[in-house]
C-alpha cells in the first residue's frame, strides 16, 4: 500500500510536548491579564462595539458535560464585558452546516466558529463561490504573539488562529484489550466489535482518524476501512455520542478519542485501567483547533475581543483543564493542573496535515468514505 508520507511530521518538527508547552499552575503565576481598562467613550475605544449578543458555533463537548468550558467562558467573558452576552450553538453537522447554508444563500446565524481544525477550513473552501470566514486583522489580536510557532495554521488567507491542540488516538479498556501496536492490528479478531469511530463529515476526531489512515495507507485507505467494517466497526455522528454515550456506558471497549484521556479520567475519579491510550507505531494524529470570524458577523469588534480573550493566560489554563487539550500558547503564558502534566501523552511521531496537502482531495476522500463506509 502506498503511504502518503508528505502529511507526516516528526516529534522534533512538531515541537509539542508536555514538558515543552505546559507547566503546573503555581501560586506565583504572573498577574491575571484578563483585566482591561474601561474606555471613557466610543472614540477612545476606536469605535468598538462591546455590547450585544455574540453567537458562537462550536462542538457539543464545549458546552455539555459536568464542567463545560463554554459555561465558564460565558461567565468570565460577560464579567469582563458586562454589556455583552454569549450565545452558543452546536450544529449537528459541524462546519458542513454552514457550508450548506452558504451554498443556499441562507443567513449564517453565528459570528465565530470555535473549534475549527485546518481540515474543517478546507471543507469550508470546497466551492470557490462560498466564502464563510474573513481574513483576520492581526493588529486587533494583542495576544497572538503568544501562540507557539510550531502550531501556526498555514491557511493562505489568514482566517484562523489556534487556541488549543489535541492528539487523536484509540482509547481502550485495558481490562479486556491489549494495545494495538499498529493500525493494522485493529483488523485482528481480538478487536472484533470493539472500535467506535466518528463520522469524518461532521466530527473533528473522526476526520482526524480518516486522515491518519490516508497518511498510512494512501489510495488504499478505503480497503483498510472496509476491513474495519468487517471487523465490527461502529460509526457515530459525534465524539459525544461515541465516547460519552457509548464508550463510558460500556457499550464497546475501544473508541477514537484523545491522548489526554487519562487526565479527564483522573479528574473524574474513573478507573484508569479502562482509559488506556494507544499510540500505534508511536503515532497519534495532531489536531490544532482554531477560531475564525464569519464574514457576515454584525459584531466584528466584539468577535475580535473574544478571540483575544481566549488567548489570555487564565483562559488557556482553563481550556487545558476543562477541554483536556494542550494550550496553544508558549509555556510562560499558561499553567495547568498537575493531573495534566502527569497523565497527558504526547506521541513519539505526531501525524499532521497541511492545508495545501489536502485542499484538492479532502472532499473527494470524505465522499468516497461516505459512499463505501458511511452508508
Protein backbone atom coordinates (compact mmCIF):
# COMPACT_ATOMS: atom_id res chain seq x y z
CA UNK A 1 0.00 0.00 0.00
CA UNK A 2 1.27 3.46 -0.87
CA UNK A 3 1.87 5.75 2.12
CA UNK A 4 1.27 9.50 1.93
CA UNK A 5 4.36 10.49 3.85
CA UNK A 6 4.04 14.11 2.78
CA UNK A 7 1.47 14.77 5.51
CA UNK A 8 3.68 13.48 8.31
CA UNK A 9 5.86 15.43 10.69
CA UNK A 10 8.16 14.05 13.36
CA UNK A 11 8.08 14.90 17.02
CA UNK A 12 11.07 17.20 16.71
CA UNK A 13 9.38 19.16 13.95
CA UNK A 14 6.11 19.33 15.84
CA UNK A 15 7.73 20.81 18.91
CA UNK A 16 4.85 19.86 21.19
CA UNK A 17 5.26 18.02 24.46
CA UNK A 18 4.06 18.05 28.00
CA UNK A 19 7.39 19.32 29.28
CA UNK A 20 7.79 21.75 26.42
CA UNK A 21 4.47 23.56 26.39
CA UNK A 22 2.78 23.32 29.78
CA UNK A 23 3.76 23.63 33.42
CA UNK A 24 1.82 23.12 36.65
CA UNK A 25 -0.09 26.14 37.89
CA UNK A 26 1.60 27.79 40.86
CA UNK A 27 0.81 30.45 43.42
CA UNK A 28 3.35 32.80 41.89
CA UNK A 29 1.83 32.98 38.41
CA UNK A 30 2.12 36.40 36.72
CA UNK A 31 -0.78 38.77 37.27
CA UNK A 32 -4.04 37.81 35.58
CA UNK A 33 -4.09 39.51 32.19
CA UNK A 34 -7.86 39.48 31.73
CA UNK A 35 -8.25 42.87 33.41
CA UNK A 36 -8.74 45.74 30.97
CA UNK A 37 -9.10 49.49 31.36
CA UNK A 38 -12.63 50.64 30.60
CA UNK A 39 -12.70 53.17 27.72
CA UNK A 40 -14.07 56.57 28.57
CA UNK A 41 -16.03 56.82 25.33
CA UNK A 42 -16.53 55.17 21.97
CA UNK A 43 -13.94 57.39 20.30
CA UNK A 44 -11.23 56.24 22.72
CA UNK A 45 -12.30 52.67 22.03
CA UNK A 46 -11.74 53.11 18.32
CA UNK A 47 -15.45 52.92 17.58
CA UNK A 48 -15.52 49.44 19.12
CA UNK A 49 -18.91 47.90 19.89
CA UNK A 50 -18.55 45.76 23.00
CA UNK A 51 -22.25 45.21 23.67
CA UNK A 52 -24.91 42.92 22.32
CA UNK A 53 -25.07 39.18 21.67
CA UNK A 54 -22.10 37.28 20.26
CA UNK A 55 -23.12 33.96 18.69
CA UNK A 56 -20.51 31.21 18.84
CA UNK A 57 -20.72 27.94 16.92
CA UNK A 58 -18.78 25.03 18.41
CA UNK A 59 -18.81 21.29 19.11
CA UNK A 60 -21.03 19.66 21.71
CA UNK A 61 -18.39 18.82 24.34
CA UNK A 62 -17.53 22.52 24.62
CA UNK A 63 -20.94 23.22 26.16
CA UNK A 64 -22.06 19.89 27.64
CA UNK A 65 -20.84 17.68 30.46
CA UNK A 66 -20.24 18.25 34.15
CA UNK A 67 -17.91 21.28 33.89
CA UNK A 68 -18.12 22.53 30.28
CA UNK A 69 -15.65 25.13 29.13
CA UNK A 70 -18.40 27.09 27.37
CA UNK A 71 -20.24 27.81 30.61
CA UNK A 72 -17.06 29.10 32.26
CA UNK A 73 -16.16 31.14 29.16
CA UNK A 74 -19.59 32.76 29.23
CA UNK A 75 -19.36 33.76 32.90
CA UNK A 76 -15.82 35.08 32.58
CA UNK A 77 -16.28 36.95 29.30
CA UNK A 78 -19.55 38.56 30.39
CA UNK A 79 -17.90 39.66 33.64
CA UNK A 80 -15.23 41.44 31.60
CA UNK A 81 -17.74 42.83 29.09
CA UNK A 82 -20.91 43.48 31.12
CA UNK A 83 -22.87 44.72 28.11
CA UNK A 84 -22.12 41.59 26.07
CA UNK A 85 -23.83 38.23 26.04
CA UNK A 86 -22.53 34.94 24.64
CA UNK A 87 -24.92 32.63 22.84
CA UNK A 88 -23.73 29.12 21.93
CA UNK A 89 -24.90 26.93 19.09
CA UNK A 90 -23.89 23.36 18.23
CA UNK A 91 -24.60 22.49 14.59
CA UNK A 92 -25.23 18.74 14.32
CA UNK A 93 -23.28 18.53 11.07
CA UNK A 94 -20.39 20.73 12.20
CA UNK A 95 -18.84 23.06 9.65
CA UNK A 96 -20.86 21.37 6.90
CA UNK A 97 -23.95 23.06 8.35
CA UNK A 98 -22.59 26.47 7.39
CA UNK A 99 -21.21 25.30 4.06
CA UNK A 100 -24.70 24.15 3.06
CA UNK A 101 -26.31 27.38 4.27
CA UNK A 102 -23.80 29.42 2.28
CA UNK A 103 -24.49 27.32 -0.83
CA UNK A 104 -28.21 28.05 -0.47
CA UNK A 105 -27.67 31.73 0.24
CA UNK A 106 -29.18 31.35 3.71
CA UNK A 107 -28.28 33.53 6.70
CA UNK A 108 -25.22 32.50 8.70
CA UNK A 109 -26.57 32.56 12.25
CA UNK A 110 -23.22 32.76 14.04
CA UNK A 111 -20.38 35.26 14.50
CA UNK A 112 -17.50 32.95 15.49
CA UNK A 113 -16.63 29.32 14.86
CA UNK A 114 -14.71 27.95 17.85
CA UNK A 115 -13.07 24.56 17.27
CA UNK A 116 -12.16 24.64 13.59
CA UNK A 117 -9.17 22.47 12.52
CA UNK A 118 -7.37 23.00 9.23
CA UNK A 119 -9.31 20.17 7.60
CA UNK A 120 -12.55 21.86 8.67
CA UNK A 121 -11.36 25.02 6.98
CA UNK A 122 -10.65 23.01 3.82
CA UNK A 123 -14.25 21.75 3.86
CA UNK A 124 -15.42 25.36 4.15
CA UNK A 125 -13.48 26.13 0.96
CA UNK A 126 -14.81 23.32 -1.23
CA UNK A 127 -16.59 25.75 -3.56
CA UNK A 128 -14.80 28.91 -4.70
CA UNK A 129 -18.03 30.95 -4.65
CA UNK A 130 -18.68 30.08 -1.00
CA UNK A 131 -16.82 32.34 1.43
CA UNK A 132 -17.52 31.83 5.11
CA UNK A 133 -14.71 33.44 7.11
CA UNK A 134 -12.99 36.81 6.97
CA UNK A 135 -9.25 37.39 6.77
CA UNK A 136 -8.25 38.34 10.30
CA UNK A 137 -6.84 41.75 11.13
CA UNK A 138 -3.94 40.57 13.30
CA UNK A 139 -3.39 44.07 14.71
CA UNK A 140 -6.59 43.53 16.72
CA UNK A 141 -5.21 40.43 18.42
CA UNK A 142 -2.76 41.69 21.04
CA UNK A 143 -2.04 38.20 22.41
CA UNK A 144 -1.49 36.41 19.10
CA UNK A 145 2.31 36.62 19.53
CA UNK A 146 1.98 34.15 22.43
CA UNK A 147 0.96 31.29 20.12
CA UNK A 148 3.63 28.68 19.56
CA UNK A 149 5.12 28.93 16.06
CA UNK A 150 5.02 25.16 15.62
CA UNK A 151 1.21 25.05 15.54
CA UNK A 152 0.51 28.07 13.33
CA UNK A 153 -2.08 27.44 10.62
CA UNK A 154 -0.94 27.53 7.02
CA UNK A 155 -4.20 28.98 5.71
CA UNK A 156 -3.21 31.08 2.68
CA UNK A 157 -5.90 33.65 3.51
CA UNK A 158 -5.08 34.07 7.21
CA UNK A 159 -8.60 33.42 8.50
CA UNK A 160 -7.93 31.22 11.52
CA UNK A 161 -5.95 31.38 14.77
CA UNK A 162 -5.14 28.42 17.09
CA UNK A 163 -6.49 28.13 20.62
CA UNK A 164 -5.70 24.50 21.54
CA UNK A 165 -4.09 21.23 20.41
CA UNK A 166 -5.23 17.63 20.71
CA UNK A 167 -3.79 14.28 19.64
CA UNK A 168 -6.34 11.81 18.31
CA UNK A 169 -5.70 8.15 19.14
CA UNK A 170 -7.50 4.95 20.21
CA UNK A 171 -8.55 4.77 23.87
CA UNK A 172 -9.26 1.26 25.14
CA UNK A 173 -10.30 -0.83 28.11
CA UNK A 174 -7.12 -2.41 29.43
CA UNK A 175 -9.13 -4.98 31.34
CA UNK A 176 -10.32 -6.64 28.13
CA UNK A 177 -7.92 -5.49 25.40
CA UNK A 178 -4.20 -5.01 24.80
CA UNK A 179 -2.82 -2.01 22.96
CA UNK A 180 -2.74 -2.22 19.15
CA UNK A 181 0.88 -1.84 18.10
CA UNK A 182 -0.06 -0.76 14.55
CA UNK A 183 -3.19 0.41 12.78
CA UNK A 184 -3.19 -2.97 11.01
CA UNK A 185 -3.73 -4.62 14.39
CA UNK A 186 -7.22 -3.13 14.55
CA UNK A 187 -8.19 -5.58 11.81
CA UNK A 188 -7.37 -8.56 14.06
CA UNK A 189 -10.14 -10.66 15.54
CA UNK A 190 -9.14 -9.66 19.08
CA UNK A 191 -10.59 -6.22 18.27
CA UNK A 192 -13.77 -7.59 16.73
CA UNK A 193 -16.82 -5.46 17.61
CA UNK A 194 -14.61 -3.24 19.78
CA UNK A 195 -13.99 0.03 17.92
CA UNK A 196 -16.14 3.18 17.97
CA UNK A 197 -15.30 5.97 15.50
CA UNK A 198 -16.91 9.25 14.46
CA UNK A 199 -18.22 10.33 11.06
CA UNK A 200 -15.47 12.40 9.38
CA UNK A 201 -18.00 14.63 7.66
CA UNK A 202 -19.23 16.03 10.95
CA UNK A 203 -16.63 15.22 13.62
CA UNK A 204 -13.14 16.63 14.15
CA UNK A 205 -11.66 13.46 15.72
CA UNK A 206 -13.46 11.38 13.10
CA UNK A 207 -11.88 13.43 10.31
CA UNK A 208 -8.50 13.24 12.03
CA UNK A 209 -8.69 9.45 12.19
CA UNK A 210 -9.65 9.32 8.50
CA UNK A 211 -6.66 11.49 7.56
CA UNK A 212 -4.41 9.32 9.70
CA UNK A 213 -5.48 6.25 7.72
CA UNK A 214 -4.91 8.12 4.45
CA UNK A 215 -1.44 9.11 5.66
CA UNK A 216 -0.75 5.45 6.37
CA UNK A 217 -2.46 3.63 3.50
CA UNK A 218 -2.61 6.24 0.76
CA UNK A 219 -5.08 5.48 -2.02
CA UNK A 220 -5.87 2.14 -0.39
CA UNK A 221 -7.41 3.75 2.68
CA UNK A 222 -10.92 2.54 1.81
CA UNK A 223 -9.66 -1.04 1.70
CA UNK A 224 -8.47 -0.57 5.28
CA UNK A 225 -11.82 0.89 6.35
CA UNK A 226 -13.67 -1.98 4.72
CA UNK A 227 -11.55 -4.29 6.87
CA UNK A 228 -12.55 -2.29 9.96
CA UNK A 229 -16.18 -2.56 8.94
CA UNK A 230 -15.90 -6.32 8.51
CA UNK A 231 -14.36 -6.45 11.99
CA UNK A 232 -17.44 -4.84 13.51
CA UNK A 233 -16.65 -1.10 13.35
CA UNK A 234 -19.41 1.16 14.71
CA UNK A 235 -19.70 4.74 13.40
CA UNK A 236 -21.23 7.59 15.41
CA UNK A 237 -22.05 11.13 14.31
CA UNK A 238 -20.02 12.85 17.04
CA UNK A 239 -17.37 12.39 19.73
CA UNK A 240 -20.01 12.91 22.41
CA UNK A 241 -22.16 10.12 21.01
CA UNK A 242 -19.25 7.71 20.61
CA UNK A 243 -17.39 8.49 23.84
CA UNK A 244 -19.86 9.69 26.47
CA UNK A 245 -22.99 7.89 25.31
CA UNK A 246 -21.37 4.60 24.28
CA UNK A 247 -17.81 4.05 25.50
CA UNK A 248 -18.35 5.34 29.03
CA UNK A 249 -21.53 3.27 29.20
CA UNK A 250 -19.58 0.11 28.41
CA UNK A 251 -21.17 -0.48 25.00
CA UNK A 252 -17.76 -1.01 23.39
CA UNK A 253 -14.18 -1.41 24.60
CA UNK A 254 -12.31 0.99 22.26
CA UNK A 255 -13.04 4.47 20.93
CA UNK A 256 -11.28 7.09 18.83
CA UNK A 257 -10.57 9.90 21.28
CA UNK A 258 -7.56 11.87 22.58
CA UNK A 259 -4.22 11.10 24.21
CA UNK A 260 -5.22 13.29 27.17
CA UNK A 261 -7.97 10.84 28.10
CA UNK A 262 -6.36 9.78 31.37
CA UNK A 263 -6.30 13.39 32.54
CA UNK A 264 -10.09 13.58 32.35
CA UNK A 265 -10.44 10.09 33.83
CA UNK A 266 -8.25 11.05 36.80
CA UNK A 267 -10.22 14.23 37.50
CA UNK A 268 -13.49 12.27 37.25
CA UNK A 269 -12.03 9.54 39.51
CA UNK A 270 -12.63 6.83 36.91
CA UNK A 271 -10.68 3.58 36.72
CA UNK A 272 -7.57 4.33 34.66
CA UNK A 273 -7.34 0.72 33.52
CA UNK A 274 -10.36 1.41 31.34
CA UNK A 275 -8.75 4.56 29.99
CA UNK A 276 -5.60 3.28 28.36
CA UNK A 277 -4.22 5.24 25.40
CA UNK A 278 -2.72 3.51 22.36
CA UNK A 279 -0.21 5.17 20.04
CA UNK A 280 0.21 2.63 17.20
CA UNK A 281 3.74 2.80 15.79
CA UNK A 282 4.31 5.61 18.29
CA UNK A 283 1.81 7.77 16.39
CA UNK A 284 -1.28 9.86 17.05
CA UNK A 285 -2.91 12.47 14.83
CA UNK A 286 -2.27 16.07 15.82
CA UNK A 287 -5.34 18.28 15.53
CA UNK A 288 -4.87 22.01 16.10
CA UNK A 289 -8.17 23.67 16.99
CA UNK A 290 -8.72 27.17 15.71
CA UNK A 291 -11.20 30.02 15.85
CA UNK A 292 -12.45 32.11 12.96
CA UNK A 293 -14.85 35.02 12.43
CA UNK A 294 -17.73 34.67 9.97
CA UNK A 295 -17.75 37.27 7.20
CA UNK A 296 -21.39 38.11 7.88
CA UNK A 297 -20.90 38.97 11.54
CA UNK A 298 -22.52 42.17 12.72
CA UNK A 299 -20.29 42.23 15.82
CA UNK A 300 -16.73 42.29 14.43
CA UNK A 301 -15.22 44.29 17.30
CA UNK A 302 -16.74 42.05 19.95
CA UNK A 303 -15.67 38.99 17.96
CA UNK A 304 -12.04 40.16 18.00
CA UNK A 305 -12.31 40.84 21.73
CA UNK A 306 -13.43 37.24 22.24
CA UNK A 307 -10.60 35.76 20.15
CA UNK A 308 -8.03 37.76 22.11
CA UNK A 309 -9.75 36.82 25.38
CA UNK A 310 -9.36 33.09 24.54
CA UNK A 311 -5.58 33.58 24.22
CA UNK A 312 -5.29 35.07 27.71
CA UNK A 313 -3.36 33.25 30.44
CA UNK A 314 -6.38 32.32 32.56
CA UNK A 315 -8.50 31.11 29.64
CA UNK A 316 -5.73 28.98 28.18
CA UNK A 317 -5.27 27.28 31.54
CA UNK A 318 -8.99 26.69 31.99
CA UNK A 319 -9.38 25.29 28.46
CA UNK A 320 -6.48 22.91 29.05
CA UNK A 321 -8.23 21.68 32.20
CA UNK A 322 -11.86 21.64 31.09
CA UNK A 323 -11.35 20.58 27.45
CA UNK A 324 -8.35 18.42 28.37
CA UNK A 325 -6.28 19.79 25.50
CA UNK A 326 -2.78 21.18 25.11
CA UNK A 327 -2.64 25.01 25.20
CA UNK A 328 -1.85 26.98 22.08
CA UNK A 329 0.43 29.50 23.77
CA UNK A 330 4.03 29.30 24.99
CA UNK A 331 4.53 27.86 28.47
CA UNK A 332 5.25 31.18 30.16
CA UNK A 333 1.68 32.24 29.36
CA UNK A 334 -0.15 29.31 30.92
CA UNK A 335 -0.15 26.94 33.89
CA UNK A 336 -2.15 23.72 34.12
CA UNK A 337 -3.18 21.27 36.80
CA UNK A 338 -0.75 18.57 37.97
CA UNK A 339 -3.01 15.87 36.51
CA UNK A 340 -2.38 17.25 33.02
CA UNK A 341 1.38 17.18 33.44
CA UNK A 342 1.28 13.67 34.93
CA UNK A 343 -1.15 11.98 32.51
CA UNK A 344 -1.26 13.83 29.18
CA UNK A 345 0.52 11.80 26.50
CA UNK A 346 2.46 13.17 23.55
CA UNK A 347 3.10 10.68 20.72
CA UNK A 348 6.65 10.00 19.60
CA UNK A 349 5.59 10.51 15.98
CA UNK A 350 2.76 13.04 15.54
CA UNK A 351 0.92 12.75 12.24
CA UNK A 352 -0.36 16.04 10.91
CA UNK A 353 -1.56 17.59 7.68
CA UNK A 354 -1.11 20.88 5.88
CA UNK A 355 -3.82 22.91 4.16
CA UNK A 356 -2.22 22.64 0.73
CA UNK A 357 -1.77 18.88 1.06
CA UNK A 358 -5.49 18.19 1.37
CA UNK A 359 -7.14 21.22 -0.22
CA UNK A 360 -7.82 19.44 -3.52
CA UNK A 361 -8.71 16.00 -2.17
CA UNK A 362 -10.43 16.12 1.21
CA UNK A 363 -13.98 16.44 -0.10
CA UNK A 364 -13.36 13.57 -2.53
CA UNK A 365 -11.94 11.38 0.24
CA UNK A 366 -14.91 12.03 2.52
CA UNK A 367 -17.45 11.49 -0.27
CA UNK A 368 -15.80 8.16 -1.08
CA UNK A 369 -15.79 7.21 2.60
CA UNK A 370 -19.48 8.06 2.95
CA UNK A 371 -20.33 6.06 -0.15
CA UNK A 372 -18.36 2.94 0.83
CA UNK A 373 -18.38 3.04 4.65
CA UNK A 374 -20.85 5.62 5.97
CA UNK A 375 -23.89 4.03 4.34
